Amino acid sequence: MDNIAAANGSTRIAIVYHSGFGHTRRQAEAVGAGVREVDGVDALVLPVEIVERHWDDLKAAQAIIFGAPTYMGAASAPFKTFAEATSRTVMAEGYLWKDKLAAGFTNSGARSGDKLSTLIQLALFAAQHGMHWINLDLPPSNSSSTGSEADLNRLGFWLGAGAQSNTDEGPDTAPPESDLATARHLGKRVAKAALQFARGRDAVLAPA
């Protein structure tokens, strides 16, 4: 997906992600769908492979949501390549992403799979750019006898959205719907926060 809705005056949110096998792509698309549930907010879903054509779009976005699969306890190498590239294309020209909102999501084959390590890495990356991190704001679920695999945040993360994809399933069936619903929740939450942030900024900057 490589498009921005053309509504004039709308708040724009970018989702930048890497996906090795398609599972994290589905998660990214779910985040984008959640963003679009909020009136007045557009989503741009960008795989890291084409980000170099979209630096200006990222500069114009109100928020950037980062996503990567967790490989060997950290974000994937292609995502890390993107992150390192920002030091010369974003930081070198000043803190171009300063005061933007940020959030993150990750997927792995194991239920934990050291996903927290990746979410921390994404949050630190956002902090290096002076961005404001938005958490998931969902209580952990499926942690009692009345819990269910169908619950949102079934994996119990606070910092961002986690997903788990069985290693013998393709992206047509994994991650499960509960994890995609959790991703949609994250996208919607960031979209609402972006509207609040934009309106508050405009009020502060308005002449007395």
Protein backbone atom coordinates (compact mmCIF):
# COMPACT_ATOMS: atom_id res chain seq x y z
CA MET A 1 0.00 0.00 0.00
CA ASP A 2 1.57 3.29 -1.09
CA ASN A 3 -0.95 6.07 -1.02
CA ILE A 4 -2.21 8.97 1.02
CA ALA A 5 -5.87 9.91 1.17
CA ALA A 6 -6.32 13.28 -0.46
CA ALA A 7 -8.65 14.95 2.01
CA ASN A 8 -7.67 18.56 2.46
CA GLY A 9 -6.67 19.74 5.90
CA SER A 10 -6.54 16.28 7.39
CA THR A 11 -4.07 15.02 9.96
CA ARG A 12 -1.60 12.59 8.44
CA ILE A 13 -0.07 9.54 10.11
CA ALA A 14 2.68 7.41 8.57
CA ILE A 15 3.24 3.72 9.36
CA VAL A 16 6.81 2.66 8.54
CA TYR A 17 7.49 -1.06 8.79
CA HIS A 18 9.55 -4.01 7.63
CA SER A 19 8.07 -7.45 7.07
CA GLY A 20 10.16 -10.48 6.31
CA PHE A 21 7.40 -12.96 5.44
CA GLY A 22 4.22 -10.87 5.27
CA HIS A 23 2.98 -11.30 8.84
CA THR A 24 4.18 -7.91 10.06
CA ARG A 25 2.78 -6.38 6.86
CA ARG A 26 -0.68 -7.56 7.91
CA GLN A 27 -0.11 -6.02 11.32
CA ALA A 28 0.95 -2.73 9.68
CA GLU A 29 -2.14 -2.72 7.48
CA ALA A 30 -4.29 -3.28 10.57
CA VAL A 31 -2.64 -0.29 12.26
CA GLY A 32 -3.44 1.77 9.17
CA ALA A 33 -7.05 0.58 9.22
CA GLY A 34 -7.33 1.72 12.84
CA VAL A 35 -5.97 5.14 11.93
CA ARG A 36 -8.60 5.49 9.21
CA GLU A 37 -11.41 4.78 11.66
CA VAL A 38 -10.93 8.31 12.99
CA ASP A 39 -12.52 11.06 10.93
CA GLY A 40 -10.09 13.64 9.65
CA VAL A 41 -7.03 11.40 9.81
CA ASP A 42 -5.20 9.84 6.84
CA ALA A 43 -2.78 6.89 6.92
CA LEU A 44 0.28 6.30 4.78
CA VAL A 45 1.57 2.71 5.09
CA LEU A 46 5.19 2.45 3.94
CA PRO A 47 7.46 -0.59 3.80
CA VAL A 48 11.03 0.43 4.62
CA GLU A 49 12.12 -0.63 1.14
CA ILE A 50 10.51 2.47 -0.39
CA VAL A 51 10.97 4.99 2.43
CA GLU A 52 13.72 6.86 0.60
CA ARG A 53 11.06 8.14 -1.82
CA HIS A 54 8.96 9.43 1.07
CA TRP A 55 11.19 11.45 3.41
CA ASP A 56 9.07 14.55 2.71
CA ASP A 57 5.89 12.64 3.56
CA LEU A 58 7.39 11.60 6.90
CA LYS A 59 8.41 15.19 7.57
CA ALA A 60 4.81 16.30 6.95
CA ALA A 61 3.20 13.59 9.07
CA GLN A 62 1.79 14.43 12.49
CA ALA A 63 2.78 11.00 13.80
CA ILE A 64 4.93 8.06 12.70
CA ILE A 65 4.19 4.52 13.88
CA PHE A 66 7.14 2.14 13.56
CA GLY A 67 6.87 -1.61 13.06
CA ALA A 68 9.29 -4.49 12.67
CA PRO A 69 9.41 -8.22 13.23
CA THR A 70 11.48 -9.39 16.17
CA TYR A 71 14.45 -11.42 14.94
CA MET A 72 17.06 -12.66 17.41
CA GLY A 73 15.75 -10.41 20.16
CA ALA A 74 15.71 -7.15 18.19
CA ALA A 75 14.16 -5.34 15.26
CA SER A 76 15.01 -6.83 11.87
CA ALA A 77 18.12 -5.69 9.99
CA PRO A 78 16.19 -3.88 7.20
CA PHE A 79 14.33 -1.82 9.79
CA LYS A 80 17.60 -1.03 11.55
CA THR A 81 19.03 0.10 8.19
CA PHE A 82 16.11 2.53 7.87
CA ALA A 83 16.63 3.76 11.43
CA GLU A 84 20.32 4.38 10.84
CA ALA A 85 19.58 6.18 7.57
CA THR A 86 17.58 8.78 9.48
CA SER A 87 20.76 10.04 11.10
CA ARG A 88 21.84 11.51 7.76
CA THR A 89 18.46 12.30 6.19
CA VAL A 90 16.54 13.57 9.22
CA MET A 91 18.94 14.47 12.04
CA ALA A 92 21.55 16.01 9.73
CA GLU A 93 19.03 18.69 8.73
CA GLY A 94 17.95 19.32 12.33
CA TYR A 95 15.41 17.53 14.44
CA LEU A 96 12.82 17.31 11.67
CA TRP A 97 10.69 14.81 13.62
CA LYS A 98 10.89 16.71 16.93
CA ASP A 99 7.52 16.80 18.74
CA LYS A 100 5.85 14.37 16.36
CA LEU A 101 3.94 11.51 17.98
CA ALA A 102 5.34 7.99 17.75
CA ALA A 103 4.23 4.45 18.54
CA GLY A 104 5.35 0.93 17.68
CA PHE A 105 4.40 -2.66 16.99
CA THR A 106 6.19 -5.96 16.47
CA ASN A 107 5.54 -9.58 15.58
CA SER A 108 7.39 -12.84 16.15
CA GLY A 109 6.84 -16.59 15.99
CA ALA A 110 7.05 -17.08 19.75
CA ARG A 111 4.46 -15.70 22.14
CA SER A 112 7.10 -13.56 23.83
CA GLY A 113 10.00 -13.87 21.44
CA ASP A 114 11.73 -10.95 23.17
CA LYS A 115 9.23 -8.57 21.59
CA LEU A 116 9.61 -6.16 24.52
CA SER A 117 13.24 -5.69 23.49
CA THR A 118 12.10 -4.57 20.04
CA LEU A 119 9.43 -2.21 21.41
CA ILE A 120 12.03 -0.62 23.69
CA GLN A 121 14.34 -0.26 20.71
CA LEU A 122 11.57 1.50 18.74
CA ALA A 123 10.75 3.79 21.66
CA LEU A 124 14.42 4.75 22.08
CA PHE A 125 14.67 5.43 18.35
CA ALA A 126 11.67 7.78 18.64
CA ALA A 127 13.24 9.46 21.68
CA GLN A 128 16.45 10.10 19.73
CA HIS A 129 14.31 12.15 17.34
CA GLY A 130 12.59 14.07 20.15
CA MET A 131 9.24 12.39 19.48
CA HIS A 132 6.42 11.75 21.98
CA TRP A 133 5.71 8.03 22.50
CA ILE A 134 2.10 6.80 22.62
CA ASN A 135 1.57 3.53 24.51
CA LEU A 136 -1.03 0.83 23.81
CA ASP A 137 -3.42 1.74 26.66
CA LEU A 138 -4.88 -1.78 26.89
CA PRO A 139 -4.78 -3.96 30.00
CA PRO A 140 -3.19 -7.38 29.50
CA SER A 141 -5.74 -10.08 28.83
CA ASN A 142 -5.90 -13.88 28.67
CA SER A 143 -4.21 -13.94 32.08
CA SER A 144 -7.01 -15.58 34.04
CA SER A 145 -9.36 -18.56 33.79
CA THR A 146 -11.92 -16.31 32.10
CA GLY A 147 -9.45 -14.98 29.55
CA SER A 148 -9.46 -15.90 25.88
CA GLU A 149 -7.11 -16.03 22.91
CA ALA A 150 -9.67 -13.79 21.21
CA ASP A 151 -9.04 -10.94 23.67
CA LEU A 152 -7.25 -7.77 22.63
CA ASN A 153 -3.68 -7.56 23.96
CA ARG A 154 -3.72 -11.30 24.66
CA LEU A 155 0.09 -11.20 24.80
CA GLY A 156 0.15 -8.57 27.55
CA PHE A 157 2.24 -5.67 26.22
CA TRP A 158 1.93 -2.06 27.42
CA LEU A 159 4.57 -0.21 25.39
CA GLY A 160 3.14 -1.07 21.97
CA ALA A 161 1.21 -3.68 20.01
CA GLY A 162 2.53 -7.24 19.95
CA ALA A 163 1.52 -10.02 17.59
CA GLN A 164 2.42 -13.71 17.36
CA SER A 165 2.42 -15.67 14.11
CA ASN A 166 2.81 -19.44 14.08
CA THR A 167 5.93 -20.31 12.13
CA ASP A 168 4.08 -22.91 10.05
CA GLU A 169 1.36 -20.48 8.94
CA GLY A 170 1.51 -17.89 6.19
CA PRO A 171 0.25 -14.30 6.41
CA ASP A 172 -3.14 -15.40 5.09
CA THR A 173 -3.93 -16.92 8.51
CA ALA A 174 -1.40 -15.36 10.91
CA PRO A 175 -1.26 -13.32 13.05
CA PRO A 176 -4.70 -14.11 14.50
CA GLU A 177 -7.60 -11.67 14.46
CA SER A 178 -7.13 -10.72 18.12
CA ASP A 179 -3.62 -9.46 17.38
CA LEU A 180 -4.84 -7.57 14.31
CA ALA A 181 -7.62 -6.01 16.40
CA THR A 182 -4.96 -4.95 18.91
CA ALA A 183 -3.02 -3.32 16.07
CA ARG A 184 -6.17 -1.50 14.93
CA HIS A 185 -6.63 -0.25 18.49
CA LEU A 186 -3.11 1.17 18.45
CA GLY A 187 -3.70 2.94 15.13
CA LYS A 188 -6.97 4.43 16.34
CA ARG A 189 -5.40 5.55 19.63
CA VAL A 190 -2.54 7.32 17.85
CA ALA A 191 -4.99 8.95 15.41
CA LYS A 192 -7.07 10.37 18.26
CA ALA A 193 -3.95 11.58 20.06
CA ALA A 194 -2.71 13.21 16.86
CA LEU A 195 -5.95 15.17 16.50
CA GLN A 196 -5.76 16.30 20.12
CA PHE A 197 -2.11 17.26 19.68
CA ALA A 198 -2.78 19.21 16.47
CA ARG A 199 -5.70 21.11 17.95
CA GLY A 200 -3.78 21.91 21.11
CA ARG A 201 -0.78 23.13 19.11
CA ASP A 202 -3.02 25.34 16.97
CA ALA A 203 -4.61 26.80 20.10
CA VAL A 204 -1.22 27.56 21.63
CA LEU A 205 0.03 29.21 18.41
CA ALA A 206 -3.13 31.22 17.82
CA PRO A 207 -2.68 34.97 18.34
CA ALA A 208 -4.05 36.24 21.65
